[in-house]
Amino acid sequence: MTIDLKMPKQAALSEFDIKMLLAAKLYEDRKLALGYCAELAGLSKRAFVEMLGKYGVSLFSQTADELKSDIDNASKLFR
């Protein structure tokens, strides 16, 4: 899909920033997998992961409570 978008000059966003913002949001909302988002941004997976923090997106989609619950459940398996 191709999107034609006219941005006001006041936004002062580069084409890369727009692509990265879109890709980061799609990753955060679990709409696309990491590889597709990296491709959309024009980056390798590693570079995309490194840039996520700059755009306010965590690589980890779980909350701290969800992660703790997973750890607790996993530790029960090894008792």
N, C-alpha and C. Protein backbone atom coordinates (compact mmCIF):
# COMPACT_ATOMS: atom_id res chain seq x y z
N MET A 1 0.85 -1.17 0.00
CA MET A 1 0.00 0.00 0.00
C MET A 1 0.89 1.23 0.00
N THR A 2 0.48 2.21 -0.73
CA THR A 2 1.18 3.49 -0.77
C THR A 2 0.25 4.56 -0.22
N ILE A 3 0.80 5.42 0.61
CA ILE A 3 0.02 6.50 1.20
C ILE A 3 0.66 7.82 0.81
N ASP A 4 -0.13 8.72 0.30
CA ASP A 4 0.33 10.06 -0.01
C ASP A 4 -0.09 10.97 1.13
N LEU A 5 0.87 11.54 1.82
CA LEU A 5 0.58 12.31 3.01
C LEU A 5 1.25 13.68 2.92
N LYS A 6 0.48 14.73 3.13
CA LYS A 6 1.03 16.08 3.13
C LYS A 6 1.13 16.55 4.58
N MET A 7 2.35 16.77 5.02
CA MET A 7 2.59 17.19 6.40
C MET A 7 2.84 18.70 6.43
N PRO A 8 2.28 19.39 7.40
CA PRO A 8 2.58 20.81 7.53
C PRO A 8 4.05 21.00 7.91
N LYS A 9 4.65 22.06 7.43
CA LYS A 9 6.06 22.32 7.71
C LYS A 9 6.32 22.45 9.21
N GLN A 10 5.31 22.92 9.93
CA GLN A 10 5.47 23.11 11.38
C GLN A 10 5.76 21.79 12.10
N ALA A 11 5.35 20.67 11.51
CA ALA A 11 5.60 19.38 12.15
C ALA A 11 7.09 19.08 12.21
N ALA A 12 7.84 19.59 11.25
CA ALA A 12 9.30 19.43 11.21
C ALA A 12 9.72 17.97 11.39
N LEU A 13 9.06 17.08 10.67
CA LEU A 13 9.39 15.66 10.73
C LEU A 13 10.02 15.23 9.42
N SER A 14 11.07 14.45 9.53
CA SER A 14 11.69 13.89 8.34
C SER A 14 10.87 12.68 7.87
N GLU A 15 11.11 12.26 6.67
CA GLU A 15 10.43 11.06 6.15
C GLU A 15 10.75 9.86 7.05
N PHE A 16 12.00 9.78 7.51
CA PHE A 16 12.37 8.68 8.41
C PHE A 16 11.57 8.73 9.70
N ASP A 17 11.43 9.93 10.29
CA ASP A 17 10.65 10.05 11.53
C ASP A 17 9.22 9.58 11.35
N ILE A 18 8.61 9.94 10.24
CA ILE A 18 7.22 9.55 9.98
C ILE A 18 7.13 8.03 9.86
N LYS A 19 8.05 7.44 9.10
CA LYS A 19 8.05 5.99 8.95
C LYS A 19 8.30 5.30 10.29
N MET A 20 9.23 5.84 11.05
CA MET A 20 9.57 5.24 12.33
C MET A 20 8.42 5.36 13.32
N LEU A 21 7.77 6.52 13.36
CA LEU A 21 6.61 6.70 14.24
C LEU A 21 5.51 5.71 13.91
N LEU A 22 5.23 5.54 12.63
CA LEU A 22 4.20 4.60 12.21
C LEU A 22 4.60 3.17 12.56
N ALA A 23 5.82 2.80 12.22
CA ALA A 23 6.29 1.43 12.50
C ALA A 23 6.30 1.14 13.99
N ALA A 24 6.75 2.10 14.80
CA ALA A 24 6.81 1.91 16.25
C ALA A 24 5.40 1.73 16.82
N LYS A 25 4.46 2.52 16.35
CA LYS A 25 3.08 2.41 16.84
C LYS A 25 2.46 1.08 16.42
N LEU A 26 2.70 0.66 15.19
CA LEU A 26 2.17 -0.63 14.73
C LEU A 26 2.76 -1.78 15.54
N TYR A 27 4.05 -1.67 15.90
CA TYR A 27 4.68 -2.69 16.74
C TYR A 27 4.10 -2.67 18.15
N GLU A 28 3.97 -1.48 18.72
CA GLU A 28 3.45 -1.33 20.07
C GLU A 28 2.03 -1.88 20.20
N ASP A 29 1.22 -1.64 19.18
CA ASP A 29 -0.18 -2.11 19.19
C ASP A 29 -0.32 -3.55 18.71
N ARG A 30 0.80 -4.21 18.45
CA ARG A 30 0.82 -5.61 18.00
C ARG A 30 0.07 -5.82 16.69
N LYS A 31 0.11 -4.81 15.84
CA LYS A 31 -0.53 -4.91 14.52
C LYS A 31 0.39 -5.59 13.52
N LEU A 32 1.70 -5.39 13.68
CA LEU A 32 2.70 -6.01 12.81
C LEU A 32 3.84 -6.55 13.66
N ALA A 33 4.47 -7.61 13.17
CA ALA A 33 5.62 -8.19 13.85
C ALA A 33 6.85 -7.29 13.69
N LEU A 34 7.81 -7.52 14.52
CA LEU A 34 9.03 -6.72 14.55
C LEU A 34 9.70 -6.62 13.18
N GLY A 35 9.83 -7.72 12.48
CA GLY A 35 10.49 -7.72 11.19
C GLY A 35 9.80 -6.84 10.16
N TYR A 36 8.47 -6.91 10.13
CA TYR A 36 7.71 -6.07 9.20
C TYR A 36 7.85 -4.59 9.55
N CYS A 37 7.83 -4.30 10.83
CA CYS A 37 7.97 -2.91 11.28
C CYS A 37 9.36 -2.36 10.95
N ALA A 38 10.37 -3.19 11.15
CA ALA A 38 11.73 -2.78 10.81
C ALA A 38 11.83 -2.49 9.32
N GLU A 39 11.22 -3.35 8.51
CA GLU A 39 11.23 -3.16 7.06
C GLU A 39 10.51 -1.87 6.68
N LEU A 40 9.38 -1.61 7.31
CA LEU A 40 8.62 -0.38 7.05
C LEU A 40 9.47 0.85 7.35
N ALA A 41 10.24 0.79 8.42
CA ALA A 41 11.09 1.92 8.81
C ALA A 41 12.37 1.99 7.99
N GLY A 42 12.65 0.94 7.21
CA GLY A 42 13.86 0.92 6.41
C GLY A 42 15.10 0.57 7.20
N LEU A 43 14.90 -0.22 8.26
CA LEU A 43 16.00 -0.58 9.15
C LEU A 43 16.14 -2.09 9.27
N SER A 44 17.29 -2.53 9.76
CA SER A 44 17.44 -3.93 10.15
C SER A 44 16.65 -4.13 11.43
N LYS A 45 16.37 -5.37 11.78
CA LYS A 45 15.65 -5.65 13.03
C LYS A 45 16.41 -5.07 14.22
N ARG A 46 17.72 -5.28 14.22
CA ARG A 46 18.53 -4.79 15.35
C ARG A 46 18.46 -3.27 15.46
N ALA A 47 18.61 -2.58 14.34
CA ALA A 47 18.55 -1.11 14.37
C ALA A 47 17.18 -0.63 14.80
N PHE A 48 16.13 -1.30 14.34
CA PHE A 48 14.77 -0.93 14.74
C PHE A 48 14.59 -1.07 16.24
N VAL A 49 15.04 -2.19 16.79
CA VAL A 49 14.95 -2.42 18.24
C VAL A 49 15.68 -1.31 18.99
N GLU A 50 16.85 -0.94 18.50
CA GLU A 50 17.63 0.11 19.16
C GLU A 50 16.93 1.46 19.11
N MET A 51 16.12 1.71 18.09
CA MET A 51 15.43 2.99 17.93
C MET A 51 14.11 3.06 18.69
N LEU A 52 13.54 1.94 19.08
CA LEU A 52 12.21 1.94 19.71
C LEU A 52 12.14 2.87 20.92
N GLY A 53 13.13 2.83 21.78
CA GLY A 53 13.13 3.66 22.98
C GLY A 53 13.05 5.14 22.67
N LYS A 54 13.72 5.55 21.62
CA LYS A 54 13.70 6.97 21.21
C LYS A 54 12.28 7.41 20.85
N TYR A 55 11.48 6.47 20.40
CA TYR A 55 10.10 6.77 20.00
C TYR A 55 9.09 6.36 21.07
N GLY A 56 9.58 6.10 22.29
CA GLY A 56 8.71 5.84 23.43
C GLY A 56 8.04 4.49 23.44
N VAL A 57 8.64 3.50 22.76
CA VAL A 57 8.04 2.17 22.69
C VAL A 57 9.00 1.16 23.31
N SER A 58 8.46 0.33 24.19
CA SER A 58 9.25 -0.72 24.81
C SER A 58 9.30 -1.94 23.91
N LEU A 59 10.44 -2.60 23.90
CA LEU A 59 10.57 -3.85 23.14
C LEU A 59 9.68 -4.91 23.74
N PHE A 60 9.46 -4.82 25.03
CA PHE A 60 8.66 -5.82 25.74
C PHE A 60 7.23 -5.33 25.84
N SER A 61 6.31 -6.15 25.40
CA SER A 61 4.91 -5.74 25.37
C SER A 61 4.18 -6.05 26.67
N GLN A 62 4.82 -6.78 27.55
CA GLN A 62 4.16 -7.13 28.80
C GLN A 62 4.37 -6.04 29.86
N THR A 63 3.37 -5.91 30.73
CA THR A 63 3.53 -5.02 31.88
C THR A 63 4.42 -5.73 32.89
N ALA A 64 4.89 -4.98 33.88
CA ALA A 64 5.72 -5.57 34.93
C ALA A 64 4.96 -6.66 35.68
N ASP A 65 3.68 -6.44 35.94
CA ASP A 65 2.87 -7.44 36.64
C ASP A 65 2.71 -8.72 35.82
N GLU A 66 2.50 -8.56 34.50
CA GLU A 66 2.37 -9.73 33.63
C GLU A 66 3.68 -10.52 33.59
N LEU A 67 4.78 -9.80 33.53
CA LEU A 67 6.08 -10.45 33.51
C LEU A 67 6.35 -11.18 34.82
N LYS A 68 6.02 -10.56 35.94
CA LYS A 68 6.20 -11.20 37.24
C LYS A 68 5.36 -12.47 37.33
N SER A 69 4.13 -12.40 36.85
CA SER A 69 3.25 -13.57 36.85
C SER A 69 3.84 -14.70 36.01
N ASP A 70 4.38 -14.37 34.86
CA ASP A 70 5.01 -15.38 34.01
C ASP A 70 6.21 -16.02 34.70
N ILE A 71 7.01 -15.21 35.37
CA ILE A 71 8.18 -15.72 36.08
C ILE A 71 7.74 -16.63 37.22
N ASP A 72 6.71 -16.20 37.97
CA ASP A 72 6.20 -17.03 39.06
C ASP A 72 5.70 -18.37 38.55
N ASN A 73 4.95 -18.33 37.44
CA ASN A 73 4.43 -19.57 36.86
C ASN A 73 5.56 -20.49 36.37
N ALA A 74 6.55 -19.92 35.75
CA ALA A 74 7.67 -20.70 35.25
C ALA A 74 8.47 -21.31 36.39
N SER A 75 8.64 -20.57 37.47
CA SER A 75 9.42 -21.10 38.60
C SER A 75 8.72 -22.29 39.25
N LYS A 76 7.39 -22.35 39.19
CA LYS A 76 6.64 -23.48 39.74
C LYS A 76 6.95 -24.76 38.98
N LEU A 77 7.32 -24.65 37.72
CA LEU A 77 7.63 -25.83 36.91
C LEU A 77 8.91 -26.50 37.34
N PHE A 78 9.81 -25.75 38.00
CA PHE A 78 11.13 -26.28 38.35
C PHE A 78 11.25 -26.57 39.84
N ARG A 79 10.16 -26.67 40.51
CA ARG A 79 10.21 -26.98 41.96
C ARG A 79 10.16 -28.47 42.17
